[in-house]
Amino acid sequence: MENTSTLNQSDAGFRGRVTRIDGDQALKRKLMSLGIRRGQEISVLHKRRNGVVVLSNGSRVAIGAGIAAQVRLEPVAAETGTGT
């Protein structure tokens, strides 16, 4: 079973990959226009009571709590450089 959570369950500093977006096509198109789509890596910058601010493709995007509850993420392991 997948280890996923919704975007509004993620804390500041969390890095994840979008695995699924629930909701209708209009919501999916809106998120796609903001650079948030399935397979996209995003970072949670701030978590607020009424939503989250994420970093996606180098842009900050504010997402309301209702929409954030429909975006499912899986954690992305932190990259460790070996320097070799």
C-alpha atoms as a PDB file:
ATOM      1  CA  MET A   1       0.000   0.000   0.000  1.00  0.00           C
ATOM      2  CA  GLU A   2       1.220   3.493  -0.796  1.00  0.00           C
ATOM      3  CA  ASN A   3       2.592   5.754   1.921  1.00  0.00           C
ATOM      4  CA  THR A   4       0.638   8.856   0.884  1.00  0.00           C
ATOM      5  CA  SER A   5      -0.934  11.805   2.646  1.00  0.00           C
ATOM      6  CA  THR A   6      -2.873  14.826   1.535  1.00  0.00           C
ATOM      7  CA  LEU A   7      -1.158  18.152   0.984  1.00  0.00           C
ATOM      8  CA  ASN A   8      -2.974  19.760   3.902  1.00  0.00           C
ATOM      9  CA  GLN A   9      -1.668  16.998   6.219  1.00  0.00           C
ATOM     10  CA  SER A  10       1.944  17.815   5.326  1.00  0.00           C
ATOM     11  CA  ASP A  11       4.081  20.024   7.547  1.00  0.00           C
ATOM     12  CA  ALA A  12       6.391  22.842   6.492  1.00  0.00           C
ATOM     13  CA  GLY A  13       9.613  21.426   5.057  1.00  0.00           C
ATOM     14  CA  PHE A  14       7.923  18.324   3.619  1.00  0.00           C
ATOM     15  CA  ARG A  15       9.020  17.302   0.108  1.00  0.00           C
ATOM     16  CA  GLY A  16       6.750  15.064  -1.867  1.00  0.00           C
ATOM     17  CA  ARG A  17       5.632  13.908  -5.279  1.00  0.00           C
ATOM     18  CA  VAL A  18       2.015  14.317  -6.347  1.00  0.00           C
ATOM     19  CA  THR A  19       0.504  10.855  -6.782  1.00  0.00           C
ATOM     20  CA  ARG A  20      -3.144  11.757  -7.313  1.00  0.00           C
ATOM     21  CA  ILE A  21      -5.473  14.732  -7.530  1.00  0.00           C
ATOM     22  CA  ASP A  22      -9.059  14.051  -6.522  1.00  0.00           C
ATOM     23  CA  GLY A  23     -11.771  16.277  -7.879  1.00  0.00           C
ATOM     24  CA  ASP A  24     -13.182  17.225 -11.228  1.00  0.00           C
ATOM     25  CA  GLN A  25     -11.381  18.171 -14.436  1.00  0.00           C
ATOM     26  CA  ALA A  26     -11.745  21.897 -13.709  1.00  0.00           C
ATOM     27  CA  LEU A  27      -9.763  21.496 -10.481  1.00  0.00           C
ATOM     28  CA  LYS A  28      -7.109  19.417 -12.224  1.00  0.00           C
ATOM     29  CA  ARG A  29      -6.767  22.040 -14.974  1.00  0.00           C
ATOM     30  CA  LYS A  30      -6.496  24.827 -12.388  1.00  0.00           C
ATOM     31  CA  LEU A  31      -3.748  23.011 -10.499  1.00  0.00           C
ATOM     32  CA  MET A  32      -1.980  22.150 -13.753  1.00  0.00           C
ATOM     33  CA  SER A  33      -1.924  25.850 -14.665  1.00  0.00           C
ATOM     34  CA  LEU A  34      -0.210  26.470 -11.310  1.00  0.00           C
ATOM     35  CA  GLY A  35       2.429  23.837 -12.083  1.00  0.00           C
ATOM     36  CA  ILE A  36       0.965  21.146  -9.849  1.00  0.00           C
ATOM     37  CA  ARG A  37       0.268  17.863 -11.623  1.00  0.00           C
ATOM     38  CA  ARG A  38       0.697  14.152 -11.053  1.00  0.00           C
ATOM     39  CA  GLY A  39       4.382  13.243 -10.803  1.00  0.00           C
ATOM     40  CA  GLN A  40       5.435  16.788  -9.885  1.00  0.00           C
ATOM     41  CA  GLU A  41       7.733  17.256  -6.877  1.00  0.00           C
ATOM     42  CA  ILE A  42       6.682  20.008  -4.509  1.00  0.00           C
ATOM     43  CA  SER A  43       7.931  21.369  -1.191  1.00  0.00           C
ATOM     44  CA  VAL A  44       5.698  22.722   1.559  1.00  0.00           C
ATOM     45  CA  LEU A  45       7.025  26.154   2.547  1.00  0.00           C
ATOM     46  CA  HIS A  46       4.351  27.291   5.003  1.00  0.00           C
ATOM     47  CA  LYS A  47       1.315  25.668   6.503  1.00  0.00           C
ATOM     48  CA  ARG A  48      -1.549  27.852   7.562  1.00  0.00           C
ATOM     49  CA  ARG A  49      -4.927  27.141   9.052  1.00  0.00           C
ATOM     50  CA  ASN A  50      -6.624  27.909   5.748  1.00  0.00           C
ATOM     51  CA  GLY A  51      -4.158  26.289   3.383  1.00  0.00           C
ATOM     52  CA  VAL A  52      -0.535  25.865   2.433  1.00  0.00           C
ATOM     53  CA  VAL A  53       2.158  27.627   0.430  1.00  0.00           C
ATOM     54  CA  VAL A  54       4.209  25.289  -1.723  1.00  0.00           C
ATOM     55  CA  LEU A  55       7.197  25.564  -4.011  1.00  0.00           C
ATOM     56  CA  SER A  56       6.577  24.031  -7.428  1.00  0.00           C
ATOM     57  CA  ASN A  57       8.929  24.472 -10.392  1.00  0.00           C
ATOM     58  CA  GLY A  58      10.629  27.379  -8.636  1.00  0.00           C
ATOM     59  CA  SER A  59       7.357  29.252  -8.033  1.00  0.00           C
ATOM     60  CA  ARG A  60       5.508  29.817  -4.779  1.00  0.00           C
ATOM     61  CA  VAL A  61       1.873  28.789  -4.939  1.00  0.00           C
ATOM     62  CA  ALA A  62      -0.769  29.360  -2.243  1.00  0.00           C
ATOM     63  CA  ILE A  63      -3.422  26.643  -2.096  1.00  0.00           C
ATOM     64  CA  GLY A  64      -6.579  26.769  -0.003  1.00  0.00           C
ATOM     65  CA  ALA A  65      -7.378  24.030   2.506  1.00  0.00           C
ATOM     66  CA  GLY A  66     -10.235  22.573   0.443  1.00  0.00           C
ATOM     67  CA  ILE A  67      -8.063  22.097  -2.624  1.00  0.00           C
ATOM     68  CA  ALA A  68      -5.037  20.960  -0.597  1.00  0.00           C
ATOM     69  CA  ALA A  69      -7.165  18.161   0.862  1.00  0.00           C
ATOM     70  CA  GLN A  70      -7.604  16.750  -2.660  1.00  0.00           C
ATOM     71  CA  VAL A  71      -3.883  16.582  -3.535  1.00  0.00           C
ATOM     72  CA  ARG A  72      -2.212  13.324  -2.469  1.00  0.00           C
ATOM     73  CA  LEU A  73       1.575  13.123  -2.018  1.00  0.00           C
ATOM     74  CA  GLU A  74       4.196  10.486  -1.391  1.00  0.00           C
ATOM     75  CA  PRO A  75       7.378  11.482   0.428  1.00  0.00           C
ATOM     76  CA  VAL A  76      10.518  12.073  -1.606  1.00  0.00           C
ATOM     77  CA  ALA A  77      13.764  10.927  -0.021  1.00  0.00           C
ATOM     78  CA  ALA A  78      16.285  13.669   0.575  1.00  0.00           C
ATOM     79  CA  GLU A  79      19.121  13.566  -1.932  1.00  0.00           C
ATOM     80  CA  THR A  80      22.472  12.709  -0.438  1.00  0.00           C
ATOM     81  CA  GLY A  81      25.475  13.707  -2.465  1.00  0.00           C
ATOM     82  CA  THR A  82      28.521  11.463  -2.085  1.00  0.00           C
ATOM     83  CA  GLY A  83      30.862  13.859  -3.816  1.00  0.00           C
ATOM     84  CA  THR A  84      32.510  11.156  -5.921  1.00  0.00           C
END
